[in-house]
Amino acid sequence: MREALREAEAARSEGEVPIGAVVVARGRIIGRGHNMTERLHDPTAHAEMIALTAATESLGGKYLTDCTLYVTVEPCPMCAAALCWAQVSRIVYGAPDPKRGFSLYSPSLLHPKTETASGVLSGECSNLMLEFFKDKR
């Protein structure tokens, strides 16, 4: 999660919403990303999508069945669906997203075999978001 936080800091320094993500396979980071929606003028350029693309490129295939995604904020429905298609084994996120998080939807948007864990470094992840939006307003 510390690496995901580093990615989130990179997003913030670029004026992006500070969300970062990394994909880990066998103890090694194989994909990383942070929000790039402003830079790329692309509403789909979320941290998870960037990290997912890097990870599948690294492995040379579209499935991440033995991988864990660490992300600073709960994935949105779009990212959850993409993570489902990639069959990510585990998702670990820091801060919940009570307005747009995937957990608001039932049935789950995730792959049935995907495990989730939340609250990892949640204070640091939440504070990044709170500070960013406080500065914007």
N, C-alpha and C. Protein backbone atom coordinates (compact mmCIF):
# COMPACT_ATOMS: atom_id res chain seq x y z
N MET A 1 0.83 -1.20 0.00
CA MET A 1 0.00 0.00 0.00
C MET A 1 0.87 1.26 0.00
N ARG A 2 2.05 1.16 0.58
CA ARG A 2 2.95 2.32 0.57
C ARG A 2 3.29 2.73 -0.87
N GLU A 3 3.49 1.76 -1.73
CA GLU A 3 3.78 2.08 -3.14
C GLU A 3 2.57 2.71 -3.81
N ALA A 4 1.39 2.26 -3.48
CA ALA A 4 0.17 2.87 -4.02
C ALA A 4 0.06 4.32 -3.54
N LEU A 5 0.42 4.56 -2.28
CA LEU A 5 0.42 5.93 -1.76
C LEU A 5 1.43 6.81 -2.50
N ARG A 6 2.57 6.25 -2.86
CA ARG A 6 3.54 7.02 -3.65
C ARG A 6 2.94 7.41 -5.00
N GLU A 7 2.23 6.48 -5.60
CA GLU A 7 1.55 6.79 -6.87
C GLU A 7 0.50 7.87 -6.67
N ALA A 8 -0.23 7.81 -5.57
CA ALA A 8 -1.25 8.82 -5.28
C ALA A 8 -0.61 10.20 -5.11
N GLU A 9 0.54 10.24 -4.47
CA GLU A 9 1.27 11.51 -4.32
C GLU A 9 1.68 12.05 -5.69
N ALA A 10 2.10 11.17 -6.58
CA ALA A 10 2.46 11.59 -7.94
C ALA A 10 1.26 12.19 -8.64
N ALA A 11 0.10 11.57 -8.47
CA ALA A 11 -1.13 12.12 -9.07
C ALA A 11 -1.40 13.51 -8.53
N ARG A 12 -1.31 13.66 -7.21
CA ARG A 12 -1.58 14.97 -6.60
C ARG A 12 -0.62 16.03 -7.13
N SER A 13 0.65 15.68 -7.27
CA SER A 13 1.63 16.65 -7.75
C SER A 13 1.35 17.08 -9.20
N GLU A 14 0.60 16.26 -9.93
CA GLU A 14 0.22 16.58 -11.31
C GLU A 14 -1.16 17.23 -11.39
N GLY A 15 -1.77 17.49 -10.24
CA GLY A 15 -3.10 18.11 -10.23
C GLY A 15 -4.23 17.12 -10.45
N GLU A 16 -3.93 15.84 -10.37
CA GLU A 16 -4.93 14.79 -10.54
C GLU A 16 -5.51 14.41 -9.18
N VAL A 17 -6.69 13.82 -9.17
CA VAL A 17 -7.26 13.28 -7.94
C VAL A 17 -6.25 12.24 -7.43
N PRO A 18 -5.83 12.36 -6.16
CA PRO A 18 -4.72 11.53 -5.65
C PRO A 18 -5.09 10.09 -5.31
N ILE A 19 -5.20 9.30 -6.35
CA ILE A 19 -5.44 7.87 -6.18
C ILE A 19 -4.31 7.14 -6.88
N GLY A 20 -3.74 6.16 -6.19
CA GLY A 20 -2.66 5.37 -6.75
C GLY A 20 -2.94 3.90 -6.61
N ALA A 21 -2.32 3.10 -7.49
CA ALA A 21 -2.54 1.66 -7.48
C ALA A 21 -1.28 0.93 -7.92
N VAL A 22 -1.09 -0.26 -7.38
CA VAL A 22 -0.04 -1.16 -7.84
C VAL A 22 -0.61 -2.57 -7.90
N VAL A 23 -0.10 -3.36 -8.84
CA VAL A 23 -0.46 -4.77 -8.96
C VAL A 23 0.78 -5.57 -8.60
N VAL A 24 0.59 -6.54 -7.72
CA VAL A 24 1.70 -7.36 -7.23
C VAL A 24 1.46 -8.83 -7.60
N ALA A 25 2.52 -9.46 -8.11
CA ALA A 25 2.50 -10.89 -8.41
C ALA A 25 3.75 -11.51 -7.80
N ARG A 26 3.57 -12.52 -6.99
CA ARG A 26 4.68 -13.23 -6.35
C ARG A 26 5.65 -12.27 -5.65
N GLY A 27 5.10 -11.30 -4.95
CA GLY A 27 5.90 -10.36 -4.18
C GLY A 27 6.60 -9.28 -4.98
N ARG A 28 6.27 -9.16 -6.26
CA ARG A 28 6.92 -8.18 -7.13
C ARG A 28 5.87 -7.29 -7.79
N ILE A 29 6.14 -5.99 -7.83
CA ILE A 29 5.22 -5.07 -8.51
C ILE A 29 5.38 -5.26 -10.01
N ILE A 30 4.25 -5.57 -10.66
CA ILE A 30 4.26 -5.77 -12.11
C ILE A 30 3.48 -4.69 -12.86
N GLY A 31 2.80 -3.82 -12.11
CA GLY A 31 2.06 -2.73 -12.72
C GLY A 31 1.80 -1.65 -11.69
N ARG A 32 1.88 -0.43 -12.12
CA ARG A 32 1.59 0.69 -11.23
C ARG A 32 0.91 1.78 -12.03
N GLY A 33 0.17 2.61 -11.31
CA GLY A 33 -0.50 3.70 -11.99
C GLY A 33 -1.11 4.68 -11.01
N HIS A 34 -1.41 5.85 -11.50
CA HIS A 34 -2.14 6.85 -10.74
C HIS A 34 -3.09 7.55 -11.70
N ASN A 35 -4.05 8.25 -11.14
CA ASN A 35 -5.04 8.91 -11.98
C ASN A 35 -4.36 9.80 -13.02
N MET A 36 -4.84 9.71 -14.26
CA MET A 36 -4.32 10.52 -15.35
C MET A 36 -5.46 11.07 -16.21
N THR A 37 -6.62 11.23 -15.61
CA THR A 37 -7.79 11.66 -16.39
C THR A 37 -7.63 13.06 -16.95
N GLU A 38 -7.01 13.95 -16.19
CA GLU A 38 -6.82 15.33 -16.67
C GLU A 38 -5.74 15.38 -17.75
N ARG A 39 -4.61 14.75 -17.48
CA ARG A 39 -3.49 14.78 -18.42
C ARG A 39 -3.87 14.16 -19.76
N LEU A 40 -4.57 13.03 -19.72
CA LEU A 40 -4.91 12.32 -20.95
C LEU A 40 -6.27 12.72 -21.53
N HIS A 41 -7.00 13.58 -20.80
CA HIS A 41 -8.36 13.97 -21.23
C HIS A 41 -9.20 12.72 -21.46
N ASP A 42 -9.10 11.80 -20.52
CA ASP A 42 -9.73 10.49 -20.66
C ASP A 42 -10.40 10.11 -19.34
N PRO A 43 -11.72 10.05 -19.31
CA PRO A 43 -12.42 9.73 -18.07
C PRO A 43 -12.18 8.30 -17.59
N THR A 44 -11.60 7.45 -18.42
CA THR A 44 -11.32 6.08 -18.01
C THR A 44 -9.90 5.89 -17.48
N ALA A 45 -9.10 6.93 -17.46
CA ALA A 45 -7.69 6.81 -17.06
C ALA A 45 -7.53 6.85 -15.54
N HIS A 46 -8.24 5.95 -14.88
CA HIS A 46 -8.14 5.82 -13.42
C HIS A 46 -6.88 5.05 -13.06
N ALA A 47 -6.43 5.22 -11.83
CA ALA A 47 -5.22 4.56 -11.35
C ALA A 47 -5.27 3.05 -11.57
N GLU A 48 -6.42 2.45 -11.25
CA GLU A 48 -6.55 1.00 -11.38
C GLU A 48 -6.42 0.56 -12.84
N MET A 49 -7.00 1.33 -13.74
CA MET A 49 -6.96 0.97 -15.17
C MET A 49 -5.53 1.06 -15.71
N ILE A 50 -4.80 2.09 -15.29
CA ILE A 50 -3.41 2.26 -15.72
C ILE A 50 -2.57 1.09 -15.18
N ALA A 51 -2.74 0.77 -13.90
CA ALA A 51 -1.98 -0.32 -13.28
C ALA A 51 -2.35 -1.67 -13.90
N LEU A 52 -3.62 -1.86 -14.17
CA LEU A 52 -4.10 -3.10 -14.79
C LEU A 52 -3.47 -3.30 -16.16
N THR A 53 -3.46 -2.26 -16.97
CA THR A 53 -2.87 -2.33 -18.30
C THR A 53 -1.38 -2.65 -18.22
N ALA A 54 -0.68 -2.00 -17.30
CA ALA A 54 0.76 -2.26 -17.14
C ALA A 54 1.01 -3.70 -16.70
N ALA A 55 0.17 -4.20 -15.79
CA ALA A 55 0.35 -5.56 -15.28
C ALA A 55 0.09 -6.60 -16.36
N THR A 56 -0.97 -6.44 -17.13
CA THR A 56 -1.26 -7.43 -18.17
C THR A 56 -0.18 -7.39 -19.25
N GLU A 57 0.35 -6.22 -19.53
CA GLU A 57 1.46 -6.11 -20.48
C GLU A 57 2.69 -6.83 -19.93
N SER A 58 2.96 -6.64 -18.66
CA SER A 58 4.11 -7.28 -18.01
C SER A 58 4.01 -8.81 -18.07
N LEU A 59 2.80 -9.34 -17.85
CA LEU A 59 2.62 -10.78 -17.86
C LEU A 59 2.39 -11.36 -19.26
N GLY A 60 2.03 -10.49 -20.19
CA GLY A 60 1.79 -10.96 -21.55
C GLY A 60 0.45 -11.66 -21.70
N GLY A 61 -0.50 -11.33 -20.87
CA GLY A 61 -1.83 -11.94 -20.96
C GLY A 61 -2.84 -11.08 -20.25
N LYS A 62 -4.13 -11.37 -20.47
CA LYS A 62 -5.18 -10.52 -19.92
C LYS A 62 -5.67 -10.92 -18.54
N TYR A 63 -5.22 -12.04 -18.00
CA TYR A 63 -5.70 -12.49 -16.70
C TYR A 63 -4.66 -12.28 -15.61
N LEU A 64 -5.14 -11.82 -14.46
CA LEU A 64 -4.28 -11.56 -13.29
C LEU A 64 -4.73 -12.43 -12.13
N THR A 65 -4.86 -13.73 -12.40
CA THR A 65 -5.45 -14.65 -11.43
C THR A 65 -4.63 -14.86 -10.17
N ASP A 66 -3.36 -14.63 -10.20
CA ASP A 66 -2.53 -14.78 -9.00
C ASP A 66 -1.96 -13.45 -8.56
N CYS A 67 -2.72 -12.39 -8.74
CA CYS A 67 -2.23 -11.04 -8.45
C CYS A 67 -3.12 -10.33 -7.42
N THR A 68 -2.49 -9.37 -6.75
CA THR A 68 -3.19 -8.50 -5.80
C THR A 68 -3.07 -7.07 -6.28
N LEU A 69 -4.19 -6.38 -6.30
CA LEU A 69 -4.21 -4.94 -6.58
C LEU A 69 -4.29 -4.21 -5.26
N TYR A 70 -3.36 -3.28 -5.04
CA TYR A 70 -3.41 -2.38 -3.89
C TYR A 70 -3.78 -1.01 -4.44
N VAL A 71 -4.83 -0.41 -3.88
CA VAL A 71 -5.29 0.89 -4.36
C VAL A 71 -5.70 1.73 -3.15
N THR A 72 -5.42 3.02 -3.22
CA THR A 72 -5.62 3.89 -2.07
C THR A 72 -7.08 4.16 -1.75
N VAL A 73 -7.95 4.09 -2.75
CA VAL A 73 -9.38 4.35 -2.55
C VAL A 73 -10.17 3.21 -3.21
N GLU A 74 -11.27 2.85 -2.60
CA GLU A 74 -12.14 1.80 -3.13
C GLU A 74 -12.42 2.03 -4.62
N PRO A 75 -12.24 1.01 -5.45
CA PRO A 75 -12.49 1.17 -6.88
C PRO A 75 -13.94 1.54 -7.20
N CYS A 76 -14.10 2.29 -8.27
CA CYS A 76 -15.42 2.64 -8.77
C CYS A 76 -15.99 1.44 -9.53
N PRO A 77 -17.26 1.51 -9.92
CA PRO A 77 -17.86 0.40 -10.66
C PRO A 77 -17.14 0.08 -11.99
N MET A 78 -16.68 1.09 -12.70
CA MET A 78 -15.97 0.85 -13.96
C MET A 78 -14.71 0.04 -13.71
N CYS A 79 -13.94 0.45 -12.72
CA CYS A 79 -12.69 -0.25 -12.42
C CYS A 79 -12.96 -1.64 -11.86
N ALA A 80 -13.98 -1.77 -11.04
CA ALA A 80 -14.34 -3.09 -10.49
C ALA A 80 -14.69 -4.05 -11.61
N ALA A 81 -15.43 -3.59 -12.60
CA ALA A 81 -15.79 -4.45 -13.72
C ALA A 81 -14.55 -4.85 -14.52
N ALA A 82 -13.64 -3.91 -14.73
CA ALA A 82 -12.40 -4.24 -15.44
C ALA A 82 -11.58 -5.25 -14.64
N LEU A 83 -11.53 -5.08 -13.33
CA LEU A 83 -10.81 -6.02 -12.47
C LEU A 83 -11.47 -7.39 -12.50
N CYS A 84 -12.78 -7.42 -12.66
CA CYS A 84 -13.51 -8.68 -12.81
C CYS A 84 -13.07 -9.39 -14.08
N TRP A 85 -13.06 -8.65 -15.20
CA TRP A 85 -12.67 -9.25 -16.47
C TRP A 85 -11.23 -9.76 -16.43
N ALA A 86 -10.37 -9.09 -15.67
CA ALA A 86 -8.97 -9.51 -15.54
C ALA A 86 -8.81 -10.65 -14.53
N GLN A 87 -9.87 -10.94 -13.79
CA GLN A 87 -9.89 -12.00 -12.79
C GLN A 87 -8.81 -11.82 -11.72
N VAL A 88 -8.67 -10.58 -11.25
CA VAL A 88 -7.72 -10.28 -10.17
C VAL A 88 -8.11 -11.10 -8.94
N SER A 89 -7.12 -11.73 -8.33
CA SER A 89 -7.39 -12.61 -7.18
C SER A 89 -7.78 -11.85 -5.92
N ARG A 90 -7.15 -10.70 -5.73
CA ARG A 90 -7.35 -9.98 -4.46
C ARG A 90 -7.26 -8.48 -4.70
N ILE A 91 -8.12 -7.75 -4.02
CA ILE A 91 -8.10 -6.29 -4.07
C ILE A 91 -7.99 -5.79 -2.63
N VAL A 92 -7.00 -4.95 -2.39
CA VAL A 92 -6.79 -4.34 -1.08
C VAL A 92 -6.88 -2.84 -1.27
N TYR A 93 -7.81 -2.20 -0.54
CA TYR A 93 -7.91 -0.75 -0.67
C TYR A 93 -7.86 -0.08 0.68
N GLY A 94 -7.46 1.18 0.65
CA GLY A 94 -7.31 1.96 1.88
C GLY A 94 -8.61 2.58 2.33
N ALA A 95 -9.01 3.64 1.65
CA ALA A 95 -10.20 4.41 2.05
C ALA A 95 -11.44 3.94 1.30
N PRO A 96 -12.57 3.88 1.98
CA PRO A 96 -13.81 3.57 1.27
C PRO A 96 -14.26 4.76 0.44
N ASP A 97 -15.09 4.50 -0.55
CA ASP A 97 -15.70 5.58 -1.33
C ASP A 97 -17.22 5.45 -1.17
N PRO A 98 -17.77 6.14 -0.16
CA PRO A 98 -19.20 5.97 0.15
C PRO A 98 -20.14 6.52 -0.92
N LYS A 99 -19.63 7.30 -1.87
CA LYS A 99 -20.49 7.86 -2.91
C LYS A 99 -20.42 7.08 -4.22
N ARG A 100 -19.23 6.54 -4.55
CA ARG A 100 -19.06 5.92 -5.86
C ARG A 100 -18.34 4.58 -5.84
N GLY A 101 -18.15 3.99 -4.67
CA GLY A 101 -17.43 2.73 -4.57
C GLY A 101 -18.22 1.54 -5.09
N PHE A 102 -17.50 0.53 -5.53
CA PHE A 102 -18.14 -0.67 -6.08
C PHE A 102 -18.99 -1.41 -5.05
N SER A 103 -18.67 -1.26 -3.77
CA SER A 103 -19.39 -2.02 -2.74
C SER A 103 -20.83 -1.54 -2.56
N LEU A 104 -21.18 -0.44 -3.19
CA LEU A 104 -22.56 0.05 -3.14
C LEU A 104 -23.49 -0.79 -4.01
N TYR A 105 -22.91 -1.62 -4.87
CA TYR A 105 -23.71 -2.35 -5.85
C TYR A 105 -23.83 -3.82 -5.49
N SER A 106 -25.01 -4.32 -5.69
CA SER A 106 -25.28 -5.73 -5.44
C SER A 106 -26.13 -6.24 -6.59
N PRO A 107 -25.79 -7.36 -7.18
CA PRO A 107 -24.69 -8.24 -6.81
C PRO A 107 -23.35 -7.58 -7.09
N SER A 108 -22.32 -8.14 -6.50
CA SER A 108 -20.98 -7.58 -6.62
C SER A 108 -20.54 -7.49 -8.07
N LEU A 109 -19.81 -6.43 -8.38
CA LEU A 109 -19.27 -6.25 -9.72
C LEU A 109 -17.96 -7.01 -9.91
N LEU A 110 -17.42 -7.55 -8.83
CA LEU A 110 -16.15 -8.26 -8.89
C LEU A 110 -16.34 -9.71 -9.32
N HIS A 111 -15.25 -10.32 -9.73
CA HIS A 111 -15.25 -11.74 -10.07
C HIS A 111 -15.60 -12.52 -8.80
N PRO A 112 -16.36 -13.59 -8.90
CA PRO A 112 -16.77 -14.34 -7.71
C PRO A 112 -15.62 -14.87 -6.85
N LYS A 113 -14.46 -15.09 -7.45
CA LYS A 113 -13.31 -15.61 -6.69
C LYS A 113 -12.42 -14.52 -6.12
N THR A 114 -12.70 -13.26 -6.44
CA THR A 114 -11.87 -12.17 -5.95
C THR A 114 -12.12 -11.91 -4.47
N GLU A 115 -11.03 -11.87 -3.71
CA GLU A 115 -11.10 -11.53 -2.28
C GLU A 115 -10.83 -10.04 -2.13
N THR A 116 -11.42 -9.44 -1.11
CA THR A 116 -11.18 -8.02 -0.85
C THR A 116 -10.78 -7.80 0.60
N ALA A 117 -10.01 -6.75 0.80
CA ALA A 117 -9.64 -6.29 2.14
C ALA A 117 -9.67 -4.77 2.08
N SER A 118 -10.15 -4.15 3.14
CA SER A 118 -10.24 -2.69 3.15
C SER A 118 -9.65 -2.14 4.44
N GLY A 119 -9.42 -0.83 4.43
CA GLY A 119 -8.95 -0.15 5.63
C GLY A 119 -7.44 -0.15 5.82
N VAL A 120 -6.68 -0.63 4.85
CA VAL A 120 -5.23 -0.66 4.98
C VAL A 120 -4.68 0.76 4.79
N LEU A 121 -4.05 1.28 5.81
CA LEU A 121 -3.55 2.67 5.81
C LEU A 121 -4.65 3.66 5.45
N SER A 122 -5.85 3.38 5.94
CA SER A 122 -7.01 4.19 5.56
C SER A 122 -6.88 5.65 5.96
N GLY A 123 -6.26 5.92 7.10
CA GLY A 123 -6.08 7.32 7.52
C GLY A 123 -5.25 8.11 6.53
N GLU A 124 -4.13 7.54 6.11
CA GLU A 124 -3.27 8.23 5.15
C GLU A 124 -3.96 8.38 3.79
N CYS A 125 -4.65 7.33 3.37
CA CYS A 125 -5.35 7.38 2.08
C CYS A 125 -6.48 8.42 2.11
N SER A 126 -7.25 8.44 3.18
CA SER A 126 -8.34 9.40 3.32
C SER A 126 -7.82 10.83 3.40
N ASN A 127 -6.76 11.03 4.16
CA ASN A 127 -6.21 12.38 4.32
C ASN A 127 -5.74 12.96 2.99
N LEU A 128 -5.13 12.14 2.15
CA LEU A 128 -4.71 12.62 0.83
C LEU A 128 -5.90 13.18 0.06
N MET A 129 -7.00 12.43 0.08
CA MET A 129 -8.20 12.88 -0.64
C MET A 129 -8.78 14.14 -0.01
N LEU A 130 -8.89 14.15 1.31
CA LEU A 130 -9.46 15.31 2.00
C LEU A 130 -8.65 16.56 1.75
N GLU A 131 -7.33 16.48 1.83
CA GLU A 131 -6.47 17.63 1.59
C GLU A 131 -6.59 18.12 0.16
N PHE A 132 -6.63 17.20 -0.79
CA PHE A 132 -6.73 17.56 -2.19
C PHE A 132 -8.00 18.37 -2.45
N PHE A 133 -9.13 17.85 -2.00
CA PHE A 133 -10.39 18.54 -2.27
C PHE A 133 -10.55 19.80 -1.43
N LYS A 134 -9.95 19.85 -0.27
CA LYS A 134 -9.96 21.06 0.55
C LYS A 134 -9.22 22.18 -0.19
N ASP A 135 -8.08 21.84 -0.79
CA ASP A 135 -7.30 22.81 -1.56
C ASP A 135 -8.03 23.26 -2.82
N LYS A 136 -8.83 22.39 -3.40
CA LYS A 136 -9.56 22.70 -4.63
C LYS A 136 -10.72 23.66 -4.38
N ARG A 137 -11.26 23.60 -3.16
CA ARG A 137 -12.46 24.41 -2.86
C ARG A 137 -12.12 25.71 -2.28
